[in-house]
Amino acid sequence: MAPRLEHWSSHLGVATETWGIRPMKTKWGSCNPDKKIVWLNLELAKKPVRAIEYVLLHELAHLISPRHDERFIKVLDDNMPKWRSIRDELNQYPLAAWEDLQALAR
């Protein structure tokens, strides 16, 4: 993922202080814009490349605009016009927390 993170960082003109991959139960990624830290969900490694690209772009867009406001949406629209369909596809995959809840329900 490092080369793709570097690609998007360069393309958007932003830089992270640090980034990492870790298990996450409720999100595909996270960004702390103040500290410029990006975390990616370990489960992304099992997802289509387009989904990984979307999450990278989404999290790095938070370095331009911390909220999901018009400016943030414009970054996504300008750089990945089909991001909404990719997001919807990604969100069809279960996250670890949902799998845990399903196991408890059995």
Protein backbone atom coordinates (compact mmCIF):
# COMPACT_ATOMS: atom_id res chain seq x y z
CA MET A 1 0.00 0.00 0.00
CA ALA A 2 2.94 2.33 0.53
CA PRO A 3 3.42 3.15 -3.17
CA ARG A 4 -0.31 3.93 -3.55
CA LEU A 5 -0.27 6.09 -0.42
CA GLU A 6 2.73 7.96 -1.83
CA HIS A 7 0.94 8.35 -5.16
CA TRP A 8 -2.19 9.86 -3.62
CA SER A 9 -0.21 12.01 -1.19
CA SER A 10 1.81 13.47 -4.03
CA HIS A 11 -1.23 13.84 -6.28
CA LEU A 12 -3.19 15.71 -3.59
CA GLY A 13 -0.21 17.69 -2.35
CA VAL A 14 -0.52 16.41 1.22
CA ALA A 15 1.83 14.50 3.48
CA THR A 16 1.34 12.17 6.41
CA GLU A 17 3.61 12.18 9.43
CA THR A 18 2.99 8.48 9.84
CA TRP A 19 0.64 5.78 8.67
CA GLY A 20 0.01 2.19 9.52
CA ILE A 21 -2.11 -0.89 9.10
CA ARG A 22 -3.96 -2.45 12.00
CA PRO A 23 -7.04 -4.49 12.74
CA MET A 24 -10.07 -2.22 13.02
CA LYS A 25 -13.53 -3.44 13.98
CA THR A 26 -15.72 -0.60 12.74
CA LYS A 27 -13.89 1.37 10.02
CA TRP A 28 -11.96 0.80 6.81
CA GLY A 29 -9.57 3.59 7.71
CA SER A 30 -9.09 6.65 9.87
CA CYS A 31 -7.25 9.92 9.73
CA ASN A 32 -6.15 12.33 12.43
CA PRO A 33 -5.70 15.53 10.41
CA ASP A 34 -4.06 17.45 13.26
CA LYS A 35 -1.35 14.83 13.72
CA LYS A 36 -1.36 13.78 10.05
CA ILE A 37 -1.73 10.11 10.96
CA VAL A 38 -3.55 7.64 8.71
CA TRP A 39 -4.56 4.15 9.78
CA LEU A 40 -5.83 1.51 7.37
CA ASN A 41 -7.83 -1.56 8.29
CA LEU A 42 -5.89 -4.81 7.89
CA GLU A 43 -8.97 -6.34 6.22
CA LEU A 44 -8.48 -4.02 3.23
CA ALA A 45 -5.76 -6.37 2.01
CA LYS A 46 -8.55 -8.81 1.11
CA LYS A 47 -10.58 -6.25 -0.84
CA PRO A 48 -10.43 -5.18 -4.51
CA VAL A 49 -7.71 -2.69 -5.43
CA ARG A 50 -10.33 -0.06 -6.29
CA ALA A 51 -11.61 -0.25 -2.71
CA ILE A 52 -8.10 0.23 -1.30
CA GLU A 53 -7.59 3.20 -3.63
CA TYR A 54 -10.87 4.72 -2.45
CA VAL A 55 -9.99 4.37 1.24
CA LEU A 56 -6.55 5.87 0.67
CA LEU A 57 -8.05 8.83 -1.19
CA HIS A 58 -10.80 9.24 1.42
CA GLU A 59 -8.41 9.31 4.36
CA LEU A 60 -5.89 11.61 2.66
CA ALA A 61 -8.72 13.95 1.65
CA HIS A 62 -9.20 14.56 5.38
CA LEU A 63 -5.81 16.29 5.34
CA ILE A 64 -7.39 18.83 2.98
CA SER A 65 -10.71 19.04 4.80
CA PRO A 66 -11.22 17.26 8.14
CA ARG A 67 -14.99 17.01 7.74
CA HIS A 68 -17.16 15.40 5.09
CA ASP A 69 -18.04 18.84 3.76
CA GLU A 70 -18.32 20.22 0.23
CA ARG A 71 -14.57 20.71 -0.08
CA PHE A 72 -13.93 17.11 0.97
CA ILE A 73 -16.55 15.78 -1.48
CA LYS A 74 -14.99 17.88 -4.26
CA VAL A 75 -11.60 16.23 -3.64
CA LEU A 76 -13.22 12.81 -4.04
CA ASP A 77 -15.30 13.84 -7.06
CA ASP A 78 -12.31 15.42 -8.82
CA ASN A 79 -9.97 12.51 -8.20
CA MET A 80 -12.25 9.47 -8.32
CA PRO A 81 -15.55 10.24 -10.05
CA LYS A 82 -16.99 6.77 -9.29
CA TRP A 83 -16.08 6.87 -5.59
CA ARG A 84 -19.70 6.53 -4.45
CA SER A 85 -20.22 3.20 -6.20
CA ILE A 86 -16.85 1.95 -4.91
CA ARG A 87 -17.79 3.04 -1.37
CA ASP A 88 -21.13 1.28 -1.65
CA GLU A 89 -19.44 -1.90 -2.88
CA LEU A 90 -16.89 -1.77 -0.05
CA ASN A 91 -19.59 -1.24 2.53
CA GLN A 92 -21.29 -4.45 1.41
CA TYR A 93 -18.34 -6.36 2.87
CA PRO A 94 -18.65 -7.14 6.56
CA LEU A 95 -16.30 -5.57 9.06
CA ALA A 96 -14.89 -7.61 11.94
CA ALA A 97 -17.38 -6.12 14.42
CA TRP A 98 -20.32 -7.25 12.28
CA GLU A 99 -18.88 -10.75 11.97
CA ASP A 100 -18.48 -10.87 15.77
CA LEU A 101 -22.13 -9.83 16.22
CA GLN A 102 -23.31 -12.43 13.71
CA ALA A 103 -21.35 -15.15 15.54
CA LEU A 104 -22.94 -14.12 18.84
CA ALA A 105 -26.40 -14.26 17.31
CA ARG A 106 -25.98 -17.90 16.27
